[in-house]
Each structure stands twice: as C-alpha cells, then as structure tokens.
C-alpha cells in the first residue's frame, strides 16, 4: 500500500502530536531522485504499518513546512520521534538505510 500524502501543515502537526514515530518523505513532482525513492518509501510504509506512520509531503504545496525544518534539497526523509525531529536523510538512499533509521528510532 503506497504511503499517503499529508495535505497541509495542520494535518502534519496533528500527526506529530498523536504518533510516537513518524517518517515524512519530502518530495515534489518535478524531482527525479524523489521518484526513485518513492517505491522504497511505499515499501517502508507497508513493512512498518503496524508501528510507524510513513507519509509523503509535497513541498511545492507545503513550503512553510520545508522552511520550518530547513529542507533545502530533496529527497529529504525526516524522522520524528515523539513529535521532535530526530533525523533527516537527504538524497536518495538504499532501502536498507531507511530501514536502519526506522529501527534506530523504534529502539
């Protein structure tokens, strides 16, 4: 099942307040490397569906979120633990690297 898109900053903040671990893939339709990691993020959403919220955020429609977290290049995958930004991985990574990051923050 593919990772859903967060629609706006209000939904984004509500998620951070209600979930213990949230993974956000910051993406854009024009971003080539973002298209490469999209299936990996979907796979992550599937694998961890019972423990972690894995979502996508289109930065073209959510510029304020990008500004708030200093996202200057994408793809950028942000990991939030208990509402706080714990880690940001910038650039296309291997699936295993995303898994390792999730496991680190679940521990």
PDB file of N, CA and C in Angstrom:
ATOM      1  N   UNK A   1       0.838  -1.188   0.000  1.00  0.00           N
ATOM      2  CA  UNK A   1       0.000   0.000   0.000  1.00  0.00           C
ATOM      3  C   UNK A   1       0.882   1.251   0.000  1.00  0.00           C
ATOM      4  N   UNK A   2       0.666   2.162  -0.938  1.00  0.00           N
ATOM      5  CA  UNK A   2       1.545   3.338  -1.000  1.00  0.00           C
ATOM      6  C   UNK A   2       1.360   4.283   0.190  1.00  0.00           C
ATOM      7  N   UNK A   3       2.423   4.988   0.510  1.00  0.00           N
ATOM      8  CA  UNK A   3       2.365   5.972   1.587  1.00  0.00           C
ATOM      9  C   UNK A   3       1.446   7.116   1.163  1.00  0.00           C
ATOM     10  N   UNK A   4       0.600   7.559   2.073  1.00  0.00           N
ATOM     11  CA  UNK A   4      -0.343   8.644   1.781  1.00  0.00           C
ATOM     12  C   UNK A   4       0.368   9.994   1.832  1.00  0.00           C
ATOM     13  N   UNK A   5      -0.251  10.968   1.202  1.00  0.00           N
ATOM     14  CA  UNK A   5       0.276  12.337   1.243  1.00  0.00           C
ATOM     15  C   UNK A   5      -0.378  13.132   2.369  1.00  0.00           C
ATOM     16  N   UNK A   6       0.434  13.905   3.069  1.00  0.00           N
ATOM     17  CA  UNK A   6      -0.087  14.843   4.052  1.00  0.00           C
ATOM     18  C   UNK A   6      -0.563  16.052   3.260  1.00  0.00           C
ATOM     19  N   UNK A   7      -1.758  16.539   3.566  1.00  0.00           N
ATOM     20  CA  UNK A   7      -2.349  17.614   2.779  1.00  0.00           C
ATOM     21  C   UNK A   7      -1.867  19.013   3.179  1.00  0.00           C
ATOM     22  N   UNK A   8      -1.629  19.234   4.480  1.00  0.00           N
ATOM     23  CA  UNK A   8      -1.276  20.592   4.918  1.00  0.00           C
ATOM     24  C   UNK A   8      -0.557  20.572   6.264  1.00  0.00           C
ATOM     25  N   UNK A   9      -0.149  21.740   6.702  1.00  0.00           N
ATOM     26  CA  UNK A   9       0.626  21.864   7.940  1.00  0.00           C
ATOM     27  C   UNK A   9      -0.197  21.478   9.165  1.00  0.00           C
ATOM     28  N   UNK A  10      -1.499  21.721   9.142  1.00  0.00           N
ATOM     29  CA  UNK A  10      -2.375  21.362  10.261  1.00  0.00           C
ATOM     30  C   UNK A  10      -2.384  19.843  10.449  1.00  0.00           C
ATOM     31  N   UNK A  11      -2.541  19.128   9.351  1.00  0.00           N
ATOM     32  CA  UNK A  11      -2.528  17.657   9.404  1.00  0.00           C
ATOM     33  C   UNK A  11      -1.155  17.157   9.858  1.00  0.00           C
ATOM     34  N   UNK A  12      -0.107  17.803   9.362  1.00  0.00           N
ATOM     35  CA  UNK A  12       1.275  17.478   9.715  1.00  0.00           C
ATOM     36  C   UNK A  12       1.474  17.597  11.234  1.00  0.00           C
ATOM     37  N   UNK A  13       1.050  18.729  11.806  1.00  0.00           N
ATOM     38  CA  UNK A  13       1.210  18.968  13.248  1.00  0.00           C
ATOM     39  C   UNK A  13       0.379  17.995  14.079  1.00  0.00           C
ATOM     40  N   UNK A  14      -0.816  17.673  13.594  1.00  0.00           N
ATOM     41  CA  UNK A  14      -1.689  16.728  14.306  1.00  0.00           C
ATOM     42  C   UNK A  14      -1.029  15.342  14.369  1.00  0.00           C
ATOM     43  N   UNK A  15      -0.405  14.948  13.270  1.00  0.00           N
ATOM     44  CA  UNK A  15       0.297  13.655  13.230  1.00  0.00           C
ATOM     45  C   UNK A  15       1.448  13.613  14.223  1.00  0.00           C
ATOM     46  N   UNK A  16       2.229  14.682  14.233  1.00  0.00           N
ATOM     47  CA  UNK A  16       3.378  14.721  15.150  1.00  0.00           C
ATOM     48  C   UNK A  16       2.914  14.657  16.596  1.00  0.00           C
ATOM     49  N   UNK A  17       1.769  15.239  16.878  1.00  0.00           N
ATOM     50  CA  UNK A  17       1.247  15.259  18.243  1.00  0.00           C
ATOM     51  C   UNK A  17       0.671  13.902  18.658  1.00  0.00           C
ATOM     52  N   UNK A  18       0.205  13.113  17.691  1.00  0.00           N
ATOM     53  CA  UNK A  18      -0.510  11.888  18.044  1.00  0.00           C
ATOM     54  C   UNK A  18       0.270  10.592  17.838  1.00  0.00           C
ATOM     55  N   UNK A  19       1.369  10.639  17.097  1.00  0.00           N
ATOM     56  CA  UNK A  19       2.114   9.412  16.790  1.00  0.00           C
ATOM     57  C   UNK A  19       3.492   9.432  17.436  1.00  0.00           C
ATOM     58  N   UNK A  20       3.955   8.261  17.901  1.00  0.00           N
ATOM     59  CA  UNK A  20       5.269   8.231  18.555  1.00  0.00           C
ATOM     60  C   UNK A  20       6.418   8.267  17.546  1.00  0.00           C
ATOM     61  N   UNK A  21       6.216   7.656  16.358  1.00  0.00           N
ATOM     62  CA  UNK A  21       7.256   7.722  15.333  1.00  0.00           C
ATOM     63  C   UNK A  21       6.625   7.992  13.977  1.00  0.00           C
ATOM     64  N   UNK A  22       7.068   9.084  13.357  1.00  0.00           N
ATOM     65  CA  UNK A  22       6.539   9.484  12.052  1.00  0.00           C
ATOM     66  C   UNK A  22       7.708   9.668  11.089  1.00  0.00           C
ATOM     67  N   UNK A  23       7.575   9.097   9.889  1.00  0.00           N
ATOM     68  CA  UNK A  23       8.580   9.242   8.835  1.00  0.00           C
ATOM     69  C   UNK A  23       7.925  10.026   7.702  1.00  0.00           C
ATOM     70  N   UNK A  24       8.542  11.147   7.332  1.00  0.00           N
ATOM     71  CA  UNK A  24       7.988  12.008   6.288  1.00  0.00           C
ATOM     72  C   UNK A  24       8.964  12.102   5.121  1.00  0.00           C
ATOM     73  N   UNK A  25       8.493  11.687   3.948  1.00  0.00           N
ATOM     74  CA  UNK A  25       9.281  11.807   2.728  1.00  0.00           C
ATOM     75  C   UNK A  25       8.919  13.140   2.075  1.00  0.00           C
ATOM     76  N   UNK A  26       9.862  14.082   2.101  1.00  0.00           N
ATOM     77  CA  UNK A  26       9.644  15.390   1.469  1.00  0.00           C
ATOM     78  C   UNK A  26       9.967  15.245  -0.016  1.00  0.00           C
ATOM     79  N   UNK A  27       8.979  15.510  -0.852  1.00  0.00           N
ATOM     80  CA  UNK A  27       9.097  15.206  -2.272  1.00  0.00           C
ATOM     81  C   UNK A  27       8.484  16.319  -3.118  1.00  0.00           C
ATOM     82  N   UNK A  28       8.614  16.202  -4.418  1.00  0.00           N
ATOM     83  CA  UNK A  28       7.977  17.120  -5.361  1.00  0.00           C
ATOM     84  C   UNK A  28       7.826  16.393  -6.693  1.00  0.00           C
ATOM     85  N   UNK A  29       6.805  16.751  -7.449  1.00  0.00           N
ATOM     86  CA  UNK A  29       6.515  16.056  -8.709  1.00  0.00           C
ATOM     87  C   UNK A  29       7.652  16.180  -9.720  1.00  0.00           C
ATOM     88  N   UNK A  30       8.405  17.293  -9.688  1.00  0.00           N
ATOM     89  CA  UNK A  30       9.466  17.542 -10.661  1.00  0.00           C
ATOM     90  C   UNK A  30      10.806  16.921 -10.276  1.00  0.00           C
ATOM     91  N   UNK A  31      10.883  16.302  -9.103  1.00  0.00           N
ATOM     92  CA  UNK A  31      12.151  15.807  -8.557  1.00  0.00           C
ATOM     93  C   UNK A  31      12.425  14.363  -9.000  1.00  0.00           C
ATOM     94  N   UNK A  32      13.433  14.188  -9.873  1.00  0.00           N
ATOM     95  CA  UNK A  32      13.796  12.864 -10.372  1.00  0.00           C
ATOM     96  C   UNK A  32      14.188  11.867  -9.284  1.00  0.00           C
ATOM     97  N   UNK A  33      15.160  12.224  -8.418  1.00  0.00           N
ATOM     98  CA  UNK A  33      15.557  11.295  -7.350  1.00  0.00           C
ATOM     99  C   UNK A  33      14.395  10.942  -6.410  1.00  0.00           C
ATOM    100  N   UNK A  34      13.432  11.866  -6.263  1.00  0.00           N
ATOM    101  CA  UNK A  34      12.265  11.587  -5.417  1.00  0.00           C
ATOM    102  C   UNK A  34      11.461  10.425  -5.994  1.00  0.00           C
ATOM    103  N   UNK A  35      11.377  10.393  -7.329  1.00  0.00           N
ATOM    104  CA  UNK A  35      10.644   9.302  -7.994  1.00  0.00           C
ATOM    105  C   UNK A  35      11.356   7.965  -7.769  1.00  0.00           C
ATOM    106  N   UNK A  36      12.688   8.005  -7.678  1.00  0.00           N
ATOM    107  CA  UNK A  36      13.460   6.786  -7.445  1.00  0.00           C
ATOM    108  C   UNK A  36      13.186   6.199  -6.068  1.00  0.00           C
ATOM    109  N   UNK A  37      13.062   7.055  -5.055  1.00  0.00           N
ATOM    110  CA  UNK A  37      12.876   6.522  -3.700  1.00  0.00           C
ATOM    111  C   UNK A  37      11.399   6.302  -3.352  1.00  0.00           C
ATOM    112  N   UNK A  38      10.479   6.821  -4.158  1.00  0.00           N
ATOM    113  CA  UNK A  38       9.041   6.679  -3.861  1.00  0.00           C
ATOM    114  C   UNK A  38       8.640   5.222  -3.581  1.00  0.00           C
ATOM    115  N   UNK A  39       9.063   4.249  -4.428  1.00  0.00           N
ATOM    116  CA  UNK A  39       8.688   2.862  -4.132  1.00  0.00           C
ATOM    117  C   UNK A  39       9.306   2.339  -2.833  1.00  0.00           C
ATOM    118  N   UNK A  40      10.483   2.858  -2.482  1.00  0.00           N
ATOM    119  CA  UNK A  40      11.144   2.435  -1.236  1.00  0.00           C
ATOM    120  C   UNK A  40      10.360   2.940  -0.034  1.00  0.00           C
ATOM    121  N   UNK A  41       9.865   4.166  -0.126  1.00  0.00           N
ATOM    122  CA  UNK A  41       9.067   4.755   0.955  1.00  0.00           C
ATOM    123  C   UNK A  41       7.742   3.997   1.080  1.00  0.00           C
ATOM    124  N   UNK A  42       7.139   3.651  -0.059  1.00  0.00           N
ATOM    125  CA  UNK A  42       5.899   2.870  -0.043  1.00  0.00           C
ATOM    126  C   UNK A  42       6.129   1.511   0.624  1.00  0.00           C
ATOM    127  N   UNK A  43       7.276   0.912   0.312  1.00  0.00           N
ATOM    128  CA  UNK A  43       7.641  -0.389   0.902  1.00  0.00           C
ATOM    129  C   UNK A  43       7.811  -0.251   2.415  1.00  0.00           C
ATOM    130  N   UNK A  44       8.442   0.837   2.841  1.00  0.00           N
ATOM    131  CA  UNK A  44       8.639   1.123   4.261  1.00  0.00           C
ATOM    132  C   UNK A  44       7.283   1.275   4.954  1.00  0.00           C
ATOM    133  N   UNK A  45       6.367   2.002   4.324  1.00  0.00           N
ATOM    134  CA  UNK A  45       5.027   2.218   4.870  1.00  0.00           C
ATOM    135  C   UNK A  45       4.332   0.882   5.088  1.00  0.00           C
ATOM    136  N   UNK A  46       4.525  -0.019   4.133  1.00  0.00           N
ATOM    137  CA  UNK A  46       3.927  -1.346   4.182  1.00  0.00           C
ATOM    138  C   UNK A  46       4.534  -2.188   5.300  1.00  0.00           C
ATOM    139  N   UNK A  47       5.872  -2.222   5.336  1.00  0.00           N
ATOM    140  CA  UNK A  47       6.595  -3.057   6.305  1.00  0.00           C
ATOM    141  C   UNK A  47       6.346  -2.651   7.751  1.00  0.00           C
ATOM    142  N   UNK A  48       6.242  -1.358   7.989  1.00  0.00           N
ATOM    143  CA  UNK A  48       6.134  -0.863   9.359  1.00  0.00           C
ATOM    144  C   UNK A  48       4.729  -0.345   9.695  1.00  0.00           C
ATOM    145  N   UNK A  49       3.745  -0.714   8.880  1.00  0.00           N
ATOM    146  CA  UNK A  49       2.397  -0.141   9.014  1.00  0.00           C
ATOM    147  C   UNK A  49       1.809  -0.276  10.420  1.00  0.00           C
ATOM    148  N   UNK A  50       2.200  -1.312  11.148  1.00  0.00           N
ATOM    149  CA  UNK A  50       1.647  -1.517  12.489  1.00  0.00           C
ATOM    150  C   UNK A  50       2.368  -0.715  13.574  1.00  0.00           C
ATOM    151  N   UNK A  51       3.532  -0.135  13.246  1.00  0.00           N
ATOM    152  CA  UNK A  51       4.322   0.545  14.281  1.00  0.00           C
ATOM    153  C   UNK A  51       4.694   1.987  13.976  1.00  0.00           C
ATOM    154  N   UNK A  52       4.720   2.344  12.696  1.00  0.00           N
ATOM    155  CA  UNK A  52       5.227   3.659  12.296  1.00  0.00           C
ATOM    156  C   UNK A  52       4.316   4.277  11.245  1.00  0.00           C
ATOM    157  N   UNK A  53       4.090   5.590  11.340  1.00  0.00           N
ATOM    158  CA  UNK A  53       3.362   6.315  10.293  1.00  0.00           C
ATOM    159  C   UNK A  53       4.378   6.782   9.266  1.00  0.00           C
ATOM    160  N   UNK A  54       4.262   6.291   8.032  1.00  0.00           N
ATOM    161  CA  UNK A  54       5.159   6.699   6.949  1.00  0.00           C
ATOM    162  C   UNK A  54       4.321   7.441   5.920  1.00  0.00           C
ATOM    163  N   UNK A  55       4.662   8.711   5.698  1.00  0.00           N
ATOM    164  CA  UNK A  55       3.868   9.561   4.814  1.00  0.00           C
ATOM    165  C   UNK A  55       4.740  10.369   3.872  1.00  0.00           C
ATOM    166  N   UNK A  56       4.099  10.968   2.881  1.00  0.00           N
ATOM    167  CA  UNK A  56       4.804  11.839   1.930  1.00  0.00           C
ATOM    168  C   UNK A  56       4.261  13.254   2.059  1.00  0.00           C
ATOM    169  N   UNK A  57       5.120  14.200   1.750  1.00  0.00           N
ATOM    170  CA  UNK A  57       4.745  15.610   1.833  1.00  0.00           C
ATOM    171  C   UNK A  57       5.257  16.306   0.579  1.00  0.00           C
ATOM    172  N   UNK A  58       4.326  16.843  -0.221  1.00  0.00           N
ATOM    173  CA  UNK A  58       4.702  17.581  -1.426  1.00  0.00           C
ATOM    174  C   UNK A  58       5.135  18.983  -1.000  1.00  0.00           C
ATOM    175  N   UNK A  59       6.423  19.280  -1.197  1.00  0.00           N
ATOM    176  CA  UNK A  59       6.945  20.565  -0.727  1.00  0.00           C
ATOM    177  C   UNK A  59       6.466  21.746  -1.558  1.00  0.00           C
ATOM    178  N   UNK A  60       6.033  21.495  -2.787  1.00  0.00           N
ATOM    179  CA  UNK A  60       5.508  22.604  -3.592  1.00  0.00           C
ATOM    180  C   UNK A  60       4.222  23.170  -2.982  1.00  0.00           C
ATOM    181  N   UNK A  61       3.443  22.309  -2.335  1.00  0.00           N
ATOM    182  CA  UNK A  61       2.194  22.768  -1.715  1.00  0.00           C
ATOM    183  C   UNK A  61       2.345  22.980  -0.215  1.00  0.00           C
ATOM    184  N   UNK A  62       3.520  22.682   0.323  1.00  0.00           N
ATOM    185  CA  UNK A  62       3.759  22.848   1.765  1.00  0.00           C
ATOM    186  C   UNK A  62       5.100  23.522   2.030  1.00  0.00           C
ATOM    187  N   UNK A  63       5.308  24.664   1.383  1.00  0.00           N
ATOM    188  CA  UNK A  63       6.588  25.376   1.515  1.00  0.00           C
ATOM    189  C   UNK A  63       6.900  25.779   2.958  1.00  0.00           C
ATOM    190  N   UNK A  64       5.852  26.080   3.738  1.00  0.00           N
ATOM    191  CA  UNK A  64       6.074  26.517   5.120  1.00  0.00           C
ATOM    192  C   UNK A  64       6.701  25.396   5.961  1.00  0.00           C
ATOM    193  N   UNK A  65       6.345  24.146   5.672  1.00  0.00           N
ATOM    194  CA  UNK A  65       6.942  23.022   6.411  1.00  0.00           C
ATOM    195  C   UNK A  65       8.420  22.892   6.045  1.00  0.00           C
ATOM    196  N   UNK A  66       8.734  23.042   4.759  1.00  0.00           N
ATOM    197  CA  UNK A  66      10.129  22.975   4.303  1.00  0.00           C
ATOM    198  C   UNK A  66      10.958  24.061   4.986  1.00  0.00           C
ATOM    199  N   UNK A  67      10.389  25.255   5.052  1.00  0.00           N
ATOM    200  CA  UNK A  67      11.083  26.383   5.667  1.00  0.00           C
ATOM    201  C   UNK A  67      11.297  26.126   7.167  1.00  0.00           C
ATOM    202  N   UNK A  68      10.262  25.624   7.814  1.00  0.00           N
ATOM    203  CA  UNK A  68      10.296  25.366   9.253  1.00  0.00           C
ATOM    204  C   UNK A  68      11.405  24.385   9.642  1.00  0.00           C
ATOM    205  N   UNK A  69      11.642  23.372   8.786  1.00  0.00           N
ATOM    206  CA  UNK A  69      12.638  22.358   9.107  1.00  0.00           C
ATOM    207  C   UNK A  69      13.916  22.493   8.298  1.00  0.00           C
ATOM    208  N   UNK A  70      14.058  23.609   7.575  1.00  0.00           N
ATOM    209  CA  UNK A  70      15.298  23.884   6.853  1.00  0.00           C
ATOM    210  C   UNK A  70      15.588  22.910   5.727  1.00  0.00           C
ATOM    211  N   UNK A  71      14.531  22.412   5.065  1.00  0.00           N
ATOM    212  CA  UNK A  71      14.724  21.488   3.943  1.00  0.00           C
ATOM    213  C   UNK A  71      15.085  22.312   2.704  1.00  0.00           C
ATOM    214  N   UNK A  72      16.318  22.128   2.207  1.00  0.00           N
ATOM    215  CA  UNK A  72      16.766  22.884   1.041  1.00  0.00           C
ATOM    216  C   UNK A  72      16.946  22.018  -0.188  1.00  0.00           C
ATOM    217  N   UNK A  73      17.141  20.722   0.025  1.00  0.00           N
ATOM    218  CA  UNK A  73      17.253  19.838  -1.136  1.00  0.00           C
ATOM    219  C   UNK A  73      16.466  18.564  -0.864  1.00  0.00           C
ATOM    220  N   UNK A  74      15.923  18.022  -1.944  1.00  0.00           N
ATOM    221  CA  UNK A  74      15.114  16.820  -1.821  1.00  0.00           C
ATOM    222  C   UNK A  74      15.630  15.755  -2.781  1.00  0.00           C
ATOM    223  N   UNK A  75      15.343  14.488  -2.560  1.00  0.00           N
ATOM    224  CA  UNK A  75      14.501  13.988  -1.487  1.00  0.00           C
ATOM    225  C   UNK A  75      15.139  14.168  -0.109  1.00  0.00           C
ATOM    226  N   UNK A  76      14.293  14.449   0.861  1.00  0.00           N
ATOM    227  CA  UNK A  76      14.701  14.511   2.260  1.00  0.00           C
ATOM    228  C   UNK A  76      13.675  13.713   3.056  1.00  0.00           C
ATOM    229  N   UNK A  77      14.151  12.782   3.842  1.00  0.00           N
ATOM    230  CA  UNK A  77      13.259  11.964   4.659  1.00  0.00           C
ATOM    231  C   UNK A  77      13.507  12.327   6.115  1.00  0.00           C
ATOM    232  N   UNK A  78      12.447  12.836   6.762  1.00  0.00           N
ATOM    233  CA  UNK A  78      12.554  13.269   8.155  1.00  0.00           C
ATOM    234  C   UNK A  78      11.950  12.215   9.078  1.00  0.00           C
ATOM    235  N   UNK A  79      12.634  11.991  10.190  1.00  0.00           N
ATOM    236  CA  UNK A  79      12.171  11.032  11.199  1.00  0.00           C
ATOM    237  C   UNK A  79      11.829  11.814  12.465  1.00  0.00           C
ATOM    238  N   UNK A  80      10.583  11.703  12.901  1.00  0.00           N
ATOM    239  CA  UNK A  80      10.133  12.396  14.102  1.00  0.00           C
ATOM    240  C   UNK A  80       9.826  11.384  15.194  1.00  0.00           C
ATOM    241  N   UNK A  81      10.477  11.535  16.339  1.00  0.00           N
ATOM    242  CA  UNK A  81      10.217  10.672  17.492  1.00  0.00           C
ATOM    243  C   UNK A  81       9.540  11.532  18.557  1.00  0.00           C
ATOM    244  N   UNK A  82       8.363  11.117  18.979  1.00  0.00           N
ATOM    245  CA  UNK A  82       7.586  11.840  19.997  1.00  0.00           C
ATOM    246  C   UNK A  82       7.449  13.330  19.661  1.00  0.00           C
ATOM    247  N   UNK A  83       7.176  13.614  18.385  1.00  0.00           N
ATOM    248  CA  UNK A  83       6.912  14.983  17.965  1.00  0.00           C
ATOM    249  C   UNK A  83       8.134  15.824  17.652  1.00  0.00           C
ATOM    250  N   UNK A  84       9.322  15.295  17.917  1.00  0.00           N
ATOM    251  CA  UNK A  84      10.551  16.058  17.672  1.00  0.00           C
ATOM    252  C   UNK A  84      11.337  15.480  16.507  1.00  0.00           C
ATOM    253  N   UNK A  85      11.925  16.363  15.700  1.00  0.00           N
ATOM    254  CA  UNK A  85      12.752  15.915  14.583  1.00  0.00           C
ATOM    255  C   UNK A  85      13.989  15.222  15.137  1.00  0.00           C
ATOM    256  N   UNK A  86      14.135  13.941  14.816  1.00  0.00           N
ATOM    257  CA  UNK A  86      15.248  13.150  15.346  1.00  0.00           C
ATOM    258  C   UNK A  86      16.369  12.991  14.326  1.00  0.00           C
ATOM    259  N   UNK A  87      15.991  12.988  13.029  1.00  0.00           N
ATOM    260  CA  UNK A  87      16.986  12.739  11.977  1.00  0.00           C
ATOM    261  C   UNK A  87      16.410  13.166  10.635  1.00  0.00           C
ATOM    262  N   UNK A  88      17.284  13.635   9.741  1.00  0.00           N
ATOM    263  CA  UNK A  88      16.890  13.924   8.363  1.00  0.00           C
ATOM    264  C   UNK A  88      17.919  13.291   7.432  1.00  0.00           C
ATOM    265  N   UNK A  89      17.445  12.483   6.498  1.00  0.00           N
ATOM    266  CA  UNK A  89      18.328  11.872   5.496  1.00  0.00           C
ATOM    267  C   UNK A  89      18.070  12.580   4.171  1.00  0.00           C
ATOM    268  N   UNK A  90      19.101  13.235   3.632  1.00  0.00           N
ATOM    269  CA  UNK A  90      18.951  13.981   2.383  1.00  0.00           C
ATOM    270  C   UNK A  90      19.586  13.204   1.238  1.00  0.00           C
ATOM    271  N   UNK A  91      18.906  13.189   0.098  1.00  0.00           N
ATOM    272  CA  UNK A  91      19.405  12.473  -1.067  1.00  0.00           C
ATOM    273  C   UNK A  91      18.806  11.078  -1.143  1.00  0.00           C
ATOM    274  N   UNK A  92      18.902  10.464  -2.308  1.00  0.00           N
ATOM    275  CA  UNK A  92      18.370   9.112  -2.497  1.00  0.00           C
ATOM    276  C   UNK A  92      19.255   8.108  -1.767  1.00  0.00           C
ATOM    277  N   UNK A  93      18.637   7.289  -0.947  1.00  0.00           N
ATOM    278  CA  UNK A  93      19.356   6.263  -0.177  1.00  0.00           C
ATOM    279  C   UNK A  93      18.819   4.888  -0.553  1.00  0.00           C
ATOM    280  N   UNK A  94      19.524   3.856  -0.091  1.00  0.00           N
ATOM    281  CA  UNK A  94      19.062   2.479  -0.292  1.00  0.00           C
ATOM    282  C   UNK A  94      17.955   2.177   0.719  1.00  0.00           C
ATOM    283  N   UNK A  95      17.121   1.220   0.372  1.00  0.00           N
ATOM    284  CA  UNK A  95      16.022   0.818   1.254  1.00  0.00           C
ATOM    285  C   UNK A  95      16.531   0.438   2.649  1.00  0.00           C
ATOM    286  N   UNK A  96      17.651  -0.284   2.693  1.00  0.00           N
ATOM    287  CA  UNK A  96      18.216  -0.730   3.963  1.00  0.00           C
ATOM    288  C   UNK A  96      18.557   0.451   4.871  1.00  0.00           C
ATOM    289  N   UNK A  97      19.010   1.552   4.278  1.00  0.00           N
ATOM    290  CA  UNK A  97      19.376   2.722   5.087  1.00  0.00           C
ATOM    291  C   UNK A  97      18.147   3.326   5.755  1.00  0.00           C
ATOM    292  N   UNK A  98      17.023   3.346   5.027  1.00  0.00           N
ATOM    293  CA  UNK A  98      15.775   3.846   5.619  1.00  0.00           C
ATOM    294  C   UNK A  98      15.293   2.899   6.718  1.00  0.00           C
ATOM    295  N   UNK A  99      15.409   1.595   6.456  1.00  0.00           N
ATOM    296  CA  UNK A  99      15.011   0.603   7.463  1.00  0.00           C
ATOM    297  C   UNK A  99      15.837   0.759   8.737  1.00  0.00           C
ATOM    298  N   UNK A 100      17.150   0.909   8.565  1.00  0.00           N
ATOM    299  CA  UNK A 100      18.054   1.047   9.727  1.00  0.00           C
ATOM    300  C   UNK A 100      17.679   2.284  10.536  1.00  0.00           C
ATOM    301  N   UNK A 101      17.346   3.374   9.854  1.00  0.00           N
ATOM    302  CA  UNK A 101      16.968   4.603  10.553  1.00  0.00           C
ATOM    303  C   UNK A 101      15.679   4.389  11.348  1.00  0.00           C
ATOM    304  N   UNK A 102      14.687   3.752  10.728  1.00  0.00           N
ATOM    305  CA  UNK A 102      13.425   3.475  11.432  1.00  0.00           C
ATOM    306  C   UNK A 102      13.701   2.615  12.651  1.00  0.00           C
ATOM    307  N   UNK A 103      14.485   1.554  12.467  1.00  0.00           N
ATOM    308  CA  UNK A 103      14.799   0.650  13.584  1.00  0.00           C
ATOM    309  C   UNK A 103      15.516   1.369  14.723  1.00  0.00           C
ATOM    310  N   UNK A 104      16.416   2.286  14.367  1.00  0.00           N
ATOM    311  CA  UNK A 104      17.138   3.086  15.372  1.00  0.00           C
ATOM    312  C   UNK A 104      16.165   3.866  16.240  1.00  0.00           C
ATOM    313  N   UNK A 105      15.168   4.465  15.588  1.00  0.00           N
ATOM    314  CA  UNK A 105      14.235   5.325  16.325  1.00  0.00           C
ATOM    315  C   UNK A 105      13.134   4.533  17.021  1.00  0.00           C
ATOM    316  N   UNK A 106      12.952   3.293  16.616  1.00  0.00           N
ATOM    317  CA  UNK A 106      11.981   2.419  17.294  1.00  0.00           C
ATOM    318  C   UNK A 106      12.570   1.844  18.575  1.00  0.00           C
ATOM    319  N   UNK A 107      13.895   1.711  18.594  1.00  0.00           N
ATOM    320  CA  UNK A 107      14.568   1.055  19.732  1.00  0.00           C
ATOM    321  C   UNK A 107      14.386   1.814  21.031  1.00  0.00           C
TER     322      UNK A 107
END
